Amino acid sequence: MLDAYEHAGISQFDRAIDWGWFVWFEKPIFYLLDWLFHLVGNFGVAIILLTCIVRAVLFPVAQHQFKSMASMRKVQPKMKALQEKHKGDKATLQQEMMKLYQTEKVNPLAGCLPVFIQMPIFIALYKVLMLSIEMRHQPFALWIKDLSAPDPFTPVNLFGYLAFTPPPMLHVGVLAILLGVTMWLQMKLNPAAADPTQQQIMMFMPWMMMLFFAPLAAGLQLYYVANNLLSLAQQQFLYARTPGLKETMAAPAK
């Protein structure tokens, strides 16, 4: 509708909506989401279908990242041995590490590249779901009557049986709890970090994300819950498809 005003001489009137840096990428995703909504008639189902499409497109990237992580885990004991041997000589350590990467045919940056590829997509999806006027007052199922509002059901007040409204910081809805639990399960399937400090940070990360997403729109929480469930299914598929991969990922952590 805003685009149509350009024909009346109002240039870039569509920028009244703050799409951000990835406007060129966000609009096609919005058009796809809007098309799915008109196809199925339920905005929550449209969000789930959009999540499935995004995960299917990114599957080769995620598979490459997963295999790169497995390769790095495999050479991690040798890396630790080199670090202990040359801990006082950084120049020699870097040379020996490069030789190790060449010998084992491992690229330490290979696992980072897919993350950079996925970041614009996730930022674009976040912006689309936050800016979608079409999502306002749209129901999904059961108690979710408005996907643009936070999840109204929370165990803090026994799902409404206690006569008080929790403050925003304590209002953790069912979708936010599912987000935290699915993210925790996803991290359990991933190999544990070698650094104890990183292990503690990763242990608290799902519950921090749960609290962060709790006051946001239920449609955004629904997207991340569906994304986490698909990630779990994808990890199980890759483990089943590649025999010995799970043992390779877990062995150094043990």
Foldseek 3Di string as FASTA:
>chain_A
DQVVCVVVVDPPSVVVQPLDDVPVPLVVLLVQLVVLCVVVVASLVSLLVSLVVVCVVCVVLVLQLLVLLLLCLLCVVVLVVLCVVPVPPVVVSVVVVVVVCVVSVHDPCSNVVSVVVCVVVLSSVVSSQQRPPVQAQGAHDDQGRGQQFFAQADCVCDRCPRPDDDPLQRQQHPLLVLLLVLLQVLVVQAEADPDVVSNVVSNCVSVVSSSVCRGGGNSSSSSSSSNSVVSVVSSVVSCVVDDPSSCSRHVSVD
